[in-house]
Amino acid sequence: MISRRDFGAAVAAAGARPGGRHVRRHLACGGVLLVVILAVASSVGAADLSDQEVLAALTSEPPRARSIRLGLAFLRGRQRPDGALGDPHRTALSAFAVMAHLAAGHTPGDAEHGAWLRRSLDAVLAGQDESGYFGRLDNSRMYGHGIATLVLAEALGTCRDDDLEDRLRRALVRAVAVTVAAARVVKPPEHQGGWRYHPTEGSSDLSLSGWQVMSLHASQQVGVAVPAEVITGAVDYARRLIGPDGSVGYDKTGDDHAALRGLGLLCLGLGHQERSPQAARIADRIRSDPIAWQGPWFFYRAYYEAVGLGRTLPEQWAIYAPRLEQVLISHQAQDGSWPNPPGDNEAGHGPVYATSMAVLALAMRQGLLPAYQR
């Protein structure tokens, strides 16, 4: 006999798996299949489930999927005629919004949202200057450059349009060249291997370096050559900022920045050091000081804890994810956006930033983007 509990668990498991959204869509839309399911359920004794209850279970939308859908709808409503979103850093913010859609499984060839994505990708491409640098035209500096480079690699990994693919690849190759050149700037030993606000700057910090190393890793995943010593140098730079107790510094060892723990863990994973004592101690800190709806750099922290744990220690992410997701889902506004929590200092980046980062954290379980691949 199929009990109400067993049947509900099976439906929930289907919805939680990558592609579960498509399972639900086909079950809800396939009338013949639904009749068969109802008949089979009845024949094996599922007498405690009415047809309406079975239909409701098959077509219900899990909270995480609903939250992602509403967040993406909010972002699409902020697009300007030229495809850009947000102020003042339009290139970087447009890239964030595109990345959120890609992470949720939408692509430039998507019948539903593909046209929206292509317009925003055009806006991102328009933000690259003649040297290949993103970050000058919208004054987002190397932050914007790393974010835009990352989204080009992620979009290229999903592209099925030859013209768009060619434009993305050419722009990506030029952007990677800028990132590699910036990594090779001679710096003091404690800063070597990282990046700072400008391509020629002689210092580094982990926060900014994270976007660069993620963009280079994603670029490798879609066939763009990246010198191995640049990735190795970036991982070594991050390792130097991780204390023996698992603390993660911004630009010097000994600091402990909660928002950087996930990034430190991600860098160790990219260096194939996910089983190192440093990784275990960072994970211990994340578990013992879990994210809450408060404090500085909340959205940055949520994003990197999801990506760092999800890519580097997936078994621990499976345990931690429900808490992070509950914090995000329970504080989403009715219009699909996210407000800033008490004590947060990211309000100046605007709702496109906050909403994109929240969606990216929620979509991590789907693991679709090149940057998340091993």
Protein backbone atom coordinates (compact mmCIF):
# COMPACT_ATOMS: atom_id res chain seq x y z
CA MET A 1 0.00 0.00 0.00
CA ILE A 2 1.22 3.53 -0.81
CA SER A 3 0.71 5.71 2.24
CA ARG A 4 0.24 9.47 2.17
CA ARG A 5 3.68 9.87 3.76
CA ASP A 6 5.48 7.56 1.28
CA PHE A 7 3.86 9.17 -1.73
CA GLY A 8 4.61 12.69 -0.49
CA ALA A 9 8.24 11.77 0.13
CA ALA A 10 8.61 10.38 -3.38
CA VAL A 11 7.17 13.53 -4.95
CA ALA A 12 9.36 15.76 -2.77
CA ALA A 13 12.45 13.77 -3.74
CA ALA A 14 11.66 14.17 -7.44
CA GLY A 15 11.27 17.92 -7.01
CA ALA A 16 14.50 18.25 -5.04
CA ARG A 17 16.65 16.58 -7.68
CA PRO A 18 18.28 18.61 -10.48
CA GLY A 19 15.71 18.63 -13.20
CA GLY A 20 12.88 18.12 -10.72
CA ARG A 21 11.16 21.21 -12.07
CA HIS A 22 10.94 19.48 -15.44
CA VAL A 23 9.63 16.31 -13.80
CA ARG A 24 6.84 18.28 -12.17
CA ARG A 25 6.07 20.16 -15.39
CA HIS A 26 5.72 16.95 -17.38
CA LEU A 27 3.66 15.27 -14.69
CA ALA A 28 1.35 18.25 -14.41
CA CYS A 29 0.95 18.72 -18.15
CA GLY A 30 0.85 15.09 -19.24
CA GLY A 31 -2.83 14.32 -18.76
CA VAL A 32 -2.52 10.73 -19.97
CA LEU A 33 0.43 10.10 -17.67
CA LEU A 34 -1.47 11.58 -14.76
CA VAL A 35 -4.43 9.28 -15.37
CA VAL A 36 -2.06 6.30 -15.43
CA ILE A 37 -0.43 7.40 -12.17
CA LEU A 38 -3.81 7.81 -10.50
CA ALA A 39 -4.95 4.41 -11.74
CA VAL A 40 -1.80 2.70 -10.56
CA ALA A 41 -1.95 4.43 -7.18
CA SER A 42 -5.53 3.30 -6.78
CA SER A 43 -4.78 -0.28 -7.82
CA VAL A 44 -2.05 -0.67 -5.22
CA GLY A 45 -4.21 0.59 -2.40
CA ALA A 46 -3.51 4.33 -2.04
CA ALA A 47 -7.05 4.75 -0.77
CA ASP A 48 -6.07 7.50 1.66
CA LEU A 49 -5.14 9.84 -1.21
CA SER A 50 -7.84 11.56 -3.21
CA ASP A 51 -7.30 12.39 -6.88
CA GLN A 52 -7.16 16.06 -5.93
CA GLU A 53 -4.49 15.39 -3.32
CA VAL A 54 -2.35 13.44 -5.79
CA LEU A 55 -2.72 16.21 -8.38
CA ALA A 56 -1.84 18.86 -5.82
CA ALA A 57 1.26 16.91 -4.76
CA LEU A 58 2.41 16.47 -8.35
CA THR A 59 1.95 20.12 -9.29
CA SER A 60 2.99 21.89 -6.08
CA GLU A 61 6.01 24.15 -6.23
CA PRO A 62 8.65 23.67 -3.52
CA PRO A 63 9.55 26.84 -1.56
CA ARG A 64 13.07 27.06 -3.00
CA ALA A 65 11.82 26.81 -6.60
CA ARG A 66 9.12 29.40 -5.93
CA SER A 67 11.63 31.76 -4.35
CA ILE A 68 13.98 31.45 -7.32
CA ARG A 69 11.13 32.00 -9.78
CA LEU A 70 9.94 35.15 -8.02
CA GLY A 71 13.48 36.50 -7.72
CA LEU A 72 14.15 36.02 -11.42
CA ALA A 73 10.84 37.66 -12.33
CA PHE A 74 11.85 40.69 -10.24
CA LEU A 75 15.17 40.90 -12.08
CA ARG A 76 13.56 40.69 -15.50
CA GLY A 77 11.31 43.57 -14.54
CA ARG A 78 14.36 45.79 -13.92
CA GLN A 79 15.81 45.49 -17.42
CA ARG A 80 16.19 48.70 -19.44
CA PRO A 81 15.58 48.89 -23.20
CA ASP A 82 19.34 48.48 -23.82
CA GLY A 83 19.37 45.28 -21.76
CA ALA A 84 21.24 46.72 -18.77
CA LEU A 85 20.16 46.48 -15.14
CA GLY A 86 21.03 48.41 -12.00
CA ASP A 87 23.09 51.45 -11.09
CA PRO A 88 25.76 52.61 -10.96
CA HIS A 89 27.78 49.58 -12.08
CA ARG A 90 25.59 48.48 -14.97
CA THR A 91 27.95 45.96 -16.54
CA ALA A 92 28.61 44.10 -13.30
CA LEU A 93 24.97 44.18 -12.16
CA SER A 94 23.71 43.03 -15.54
CA ALA A 95 26.20 40.17 -15.37
CA PHE A 96 24.89 39.18 -11.93
CA ALA A 97 21.30 39.08 -13.21
CA VAL A 98 22.30 36.95 -16.21
CA MET A 99 24.28 34.62 -13.96
CA ALA A 100 21.26 34.11 -11.71
CA HIS A 101 19.15 33.02 -14.69
CA LEU A 102 21.85 30.67 -15.98
CA ALA A 103 22.23 29.12 -12.52
CA ALA A 104 18.50 28.43 -12.46
CA GLY A 105 18.66 26.60 -15.78
CA HIS A 106 17.64 29.30 -18.27
CA THR A 107 19.84 29.73 -21.36
CA PRO A 108 20.14 32.20 -24.25
CA GLY A 109 18.25 29.69 -26.37
CA ASP A 110 15.44 29.36 -23.84
CA ALA A 111 12.03 29.87 -25.46
CA GLU A 112 10.70 31.53 -22.33
CA HIS A 113 13.49 33.89 -21.26
CA GLY A 114 16.16 33.57 -23.95
CA ALA A 115 15.41 36.95 -25.56
CA TRP A 116 15.74 38.66 -22.18
CA LEU A 117 19.06 36.93 -21.57
CA ARG A 118 20.44 37.85 -24.99
CA ARG A 119 19.61 41.53 -24.45
CA SER A 120 21.36 41.55 -21.09
CA LEU A 121 24.34 39.68 -22.49
CA ASP A 122 24.58 42.34 -25.19
CA ALA A 123 24.68 44.94 -22.42
CA VAL A 124 27.49 43.05 -20.69
CA LEU A 125 29.47 42.74 -23.92
CA ALA A 126 29.05 46.48 -24.53
CA GLY A 127 30.84 47.11 -21.23
CA GLN A 128 34.17 45.75 -22.50
CA ASP A 129 36.66 48.40 -23.59
CA GLU A 130 39.13 48.18 -26.46
CA SER A 131 41.80 46.57 -24.25
CA GLY A 132 39.48 43.72 -23.25
CA TYR A 133 38.88 45.16 -19.78
CA PHE A 134 35.47 45.14 -18.10
CA GLY A 135 35.28 47.54 -15.21
CA ARG A 136 36.37 50.85 -16.72
CA LEU A 137 33.23 51.97 -18.56
CA ASP A 138 30.93 51.40 -15.57
CA ASN A 139 33.63 52.06 -12.95
CA SER A 140 33.22 48.63 -11.38
CA ARG A 141 37.00 48.12 -11.62
CA MET A 142 38.44 44.60 -11.34
CA TYR A 143 35.38 43.48 -9.38
CA GLY A 144 33.23 44.10 -12.44
CA HIS A 145 35.87 42.62 -14.72
CA GLY A 146 35.94 39.33 -12.83
CA ILE A 147 32.14 39.14 -12.60
CA ALA A 148 31.63 39.91 -16.30
CA THR A 149 34.36 37.45 -17.32
CA LEU A 150 32.73 34.78 -15.16
CA VAL A 151 29.30 35.25 -16.71
CA LEU A 152 30.72 35.14 -20.26
CA ALA A 153 32.25 31.73 -19.50
CA GLU A 154 29.03 30.52 -17.93
CA ALA A 155 26.91 31.75 -20.83
CA LEU A 156 29.31 30.23 -23.34
CA GLY A 157 28.87 26.88 -21.65
CA THR A 158 25.13 26.98 -22.40
CA CYS A 159 25.11 28.74 -25.78
CA ARG A 160 23.67 27.09 -28.91
CA ASP A 161 23.73 30.15 -31.18
CA ASP A 162 26.82 30.28 -33.42
CA ASP A 163 26.94 34.09 -33.73
CA LEU A 164 26.44 34.69 -30.01
CA GLU A 165 28.88 31.93 -29.14
CA ASP A 166 31.52 33.54 -31.36
CA ARG A 167 31.03 36.96 -29.77
CA LEU A 168 31.12 35.52 -26.26
CA ARG A 169 34.26 33.51 -26.92
CA ARG A 170 36.16 36.39 -28.50
CA ALA A 171 35.23 38.69 -25.62
CA LEU A 172 36.11 36.01 -23.08
CA VAL A 173 39.56 35.35 -24.56
CA ARG A 174 40.35 39.09 -24.42
CA ALA A 175 39.05 39.38 -20.86
CA VAL A 176 41.08 36.39 -19.66
CA ALA A 177 44.20 37.98 -21.16
CA VAL A 178 43.59 41.08 -19.00
CA THR A 179 43.13 38.94 -15.88
CA VAL A 180 46.28 36.92 -16.56
CA ALA A 181 48.33 40.07 -17.19
CA ALA A 182 47.08 41.56 -13.92
CA ALA A 183 48.11 38.40 -12.06
CA ARG A 184 51.64 38.74 -13.41
CA VAL A 185 52.19 42.25 -12.07
CA VAL A 186 55.23 42.17 -9.76
CA LYS A 187 54.08 42.56 -6.16
CA PRO A 188 55.48 42.09 -2.65
CA PRO A 189 55.63 38.38 -1.71
CA GLU A 190 52.59 38.58 0.59
CA HIS A 191 50.44 39.91 -2.28
CA GLN A 192 51.80 37.81 -5.13
CA GLY A 193 49.23 35.67 -6.90
CA GLY A 194 46.21 37.85 -6.15
CA TRP A 195 44.42 40.82 -7.67
CA ARG A 196 43.37 44.29 -6.53
CA TYR A 197 41.07 47.07 -7.74
CA HIS A 198 43.02 47.96 -10.89
CA PRO A 199 44.84 45.67 -13.36
CA THR A 200 48.25 47.21 -12.67
CA GLU A 201 47.93 47.57 -8.89
CA GLY A 202 50.76 46.22 -6.74
CA SER A 203 48.67 44.78 -3.90
CA SER A 204 45.96 42.12 -3.52
CA ASP A 205 42.94 41.16 -1.44
CA LEU A 206 41.05 37.89 -1.24
CA SER A 207 37.58 39.36 -1.82
CA LEU A 208 38.45 40.77 -5.21
CA SER A 209 40.69 37.85 -6.11
CA GLY A 210 37.83 35.41 -5.67
CA TRP A 211 35.95 36.66 -8.73
CA GLN A 212 39.11 36.44 -10.84
CA VAL A 213 39.99 32.89 -9.89
CA MET A 214 36.38 31.76 -10.36
CA SER A 215 36.27 33.38 -13.80
CA LEU A 216 39.52 31.70 -14.83
CA HIS A 217 38.34 28.30 -13.62
CA ALA A 218 35.05 28.68 -15.51
CA SER A 219 36.96 29.79 -18.61
CA GLN A 220 39.06 26.64 -18.46
CA GLN A 221 35.87 24.59 -18.26
CA VAL A 222 34.70 25.99 -21.62
CA GLY A 223 38.02 25.52 -23.41
CA VAL A 224 39.78 28.87 -22.94
CA ALA A 225 43.45 28.43 -22.12
CA VAL A 226 44.62 29.74 -18.73
CA PRO A 227 48.27 29.39 -17.64
CA ALA A 228 48.44 26.82 -14.86
CA GLU A 229 50.80 28.95 -12.78
CA VAL A 230 48.19 31.72 -12.56
CA ILE A 231 45.61 29.41 -10.97
CA THR A 232 48.29 27.88 -8.74
CA GLY A 233 49.48 31.33 -7.68
CA ALA A 234 45.95 32.41 -6.81
CA VAL A 235 45.33 29.30 -4.71
CA ASP A 236 48.66 29.80 -2.92
CA TYR A 237 47.72 33.42 -2.23
CA ALA A 238 44.42 32.33 -0.68
CA ARG A 239 46.14 29.64 1.42
CA ARG A 240 48.44 32.26 2.92
CA LEU A 241 45.40 34.15 4.19
CA ILE A 242 43.89 31.12 5.94
CA GLY A 243 45.01 30.75 9.55
CA PRO A 244 45.74 27.43 11.25
CA ASP A 245 42.42 27.80 13.11
CA GLY A 246 40.42 28.19 9.88
CA SER A 247 40.13 31.96 10.06
CA VAL A 248 40.16 33.68 6.66
CA GLY A 249 41.73 37.10 6.19
CA TYR A 250 40.94 39.86 3.73
CA ASP A 251 44.52 40.89 2.93
CA LYS A 252 46.53 39.50 5.85
CA THR A 253 46.60 36.33 7.90
CA GLY A 254 45.10 36.51 11.36
CA ASP A 255 41.91 38.34 10.44
CA ASP A 256 38.64 36.45 10.56
CA HIS A 257 36.01 37.57 8.06
CA ALA A 258 32.87 35.45 8.14
CA ALA A 259 31.94 36.57 4.62
CA LEU A 260 35.21 35.18 3.25
CA ARG A 261 35.09 31.68 4.73
CA GLY A 262 33.21 30.18 1.81
CA LEU A 263 35.59 31.83 -0.64
CA GLY A 264 38.62 30.47 1.21
CA LEU A 265 37.07 27.02 1.04
CA LEU A 266 36.37 27.42 -2.68
CA CYS A 267 39.98 28.39 -3.39
CA LEU A 268 41.23 25.31 -1.56
CA GLY A 269 38.87 23.18 -3.62
CA LEU A 270 40.11 24.71 -6.85
CA GLY A 271 43.61 23.77 -5.72
CA HIS A 272 42.47 20.18 -5.03
CA GLN A 273 43.02 20.69 -1.31
CA GLU A 274 39.46 20.06 -0.16
CA ARG A 275 40.61 17.36 2.26
CA SER A 276 43.28 19.52 3.86
CA PRO A 277 43.17 20.47 7.56
CA GLN A 278 42.61 24.10 6.49
CA ALA A 279 39.43 23.16 4.61
CA ALA A 280 38.10 21.15 7.55
CA ARG A 281 38.71 24.01 9.96
CA ILE A 282 36.99 26.55 7.71
CA ALA A 283 34.00 24.22 7.41
CA ASP A 284 33.95 23.89 11.21
CA ARG A 285 33.80 27.68 11.53
CA ILE A 286 30.92 27.91 9.07
CA ARG A 287 28.97 25.26 10.97
CA SER A 288 29.67 26.74 14.40
CA ASP A 289 28.79 30.28 13.27
CA PRO A 290 25.95 29.73 10.77
CA ILE A 291 24.56 32.53 8.67
CA ALA A 292 21.70 34.58 10.14
CA TRP A 293 19.59 37.47 8.82
CA GLN A 294 21.99 40.14 10.03
CA GLY A 295 25.47 41.53 9.74
CA PRO A 296 27.77 42.99 7.10
CA TRP A 297 28.24 41.49 3.64
CA PHE A 298 25.26 39.18 4.14
CA PHE A 299 24.60 38.42 0.46
CA TYR A 300 28.27 38.04 -0.36
CA ARG A 301 28.56 35.58 2.52
CA ALA A 302 25.44 33.62 1.47
CA TYR A 303 26.73 33.28 -2.08
CA TYR A 304 30.22 32.13 -1.20
CA GLU A 305 29.11 29.77 1.56
CA ALA A 306 26.83 28.09 -0.97
CA VAL A 307 29.48 27.91 -3.70
CA GLY A 308 32.39 27.11 -1.37
CA LEU A 309 30.63 24.31 0.49
CA GLY A 310 28.64 23.12 -2.52
CA ARG A 311 31.63 22.69 -4.81
CA THR A 312 34.33 21.77 -2.30
CA LEU A 313 32.51 19.75 0.40
CA PRO A 314 29.17 18.72 -1.12
CA GLU A 315 28.36 16.28 1.69
CA GLN A 316 28.59 19.11 4.21
CA TRP A 317 26.66 21.45 1.93
CA ALA A 318 23.77 18.99 1.91
CA ILE A 319 23.55 19.39 5.69
CA TYR A 320 24.08 23.17 5.79
CA ALA A 321 21.98 24.14 2.76
CA PRO A 322 18.53 23.91 4.40
CA ARG A 323 19.49 26.49 7.02
CA LEU A 324 20.91 28.97 4.52
CA GLU A 325 17.94 28.50 2.21
CA GLN A 326 15.45 28.98 5.06
CA VAL A 327 17.08 32.28 6.03
CA LEU A 328 16.86 33.54 2.45
CA ILE A 329 13.38 32.27 1.62
CA SER A 330 11.80 33.55 4.82
CA HIS A 331 13.04 37.12 4.21
CA GLN A 332 12.17 37.52 0.54
CA ALA A 333 9.91 40.49 -0.19
CA GLN A 334 6.52 40.06 -1.85
CA ASP A 335 7.80 41.54 -5.12
CA GLY A 336 10.47 38.80 -5.34
CA SER A 337 13.41 40.98 -4.31
CA TRP A 338 15.44 40.84 -1.10
CA PRO A 339 15.79 43.74 1.32
CA ASN A 340 18.98 44.30 3.26
CA PRO A 341 19.13 42.69 6.72
CA PRO A 342 19.95 44.62 9.90
CA GLY A 343 23.59 45.63 10.00
CA ASP A 344 24.25 44.84 6.35
CA ASN A 345 26.44 47.27 4.41
CA GLU A 346 25.56 46.26 0.85
CA ALA A 347 22.50 48.51 0.35
CA GLY A 348 24.49 50.79 -1.96
CA HIS A 349 24.70 47.99 -4.52
CA GLY A 350 20.92 47.99 -4.94
CA PRO A 351 18.21 45.32 -5.20
CA VAL A 352 19.55 43.79 -8.43
CA TYR A 353 22.72 42.82 -6.59
CA ALA A 354 20.96 41.49 -3.49
CA THR A 355 18.36 39.55 -5.47
CA SER A 356 20.89 38.07 -7.89
CA MET A 357 23.17 36.90 -5.09
CA ALA A 358 20.27 35.37 -3.17
CA VAL A 359 19.05 33.49 -6.24
CA LEU A 360 22.57 32.29 -6.99
CA ALA A 361 22.87 30.88 -3.47
CA LEU A 362 19.47 29.19 -3.71
CA ALA A 363 20.28 27.71 -7.14
CA MET A 364 23.59 26.20 -6.03
CA ARG A 365 21.99 22.78 -5.45
CA GLN A 366 21.32 22.56 -9.19
CA GLY A 367 25.09 22.77 -9.88
CA LEU A 368 24.64 23.82 -13.50
CA LEU A 369 27.32 26.46 -14.03
CA PRO A 370 30.85 25.76 -15.33
CA ALA A 371 32.35 27.49 -12.31
CA TYR A 372 30.81 24.83 -10.09
CA GLN A 373 32.23 21.89 -12.03
CA ARG A 374 35.28 20.00 -10.81
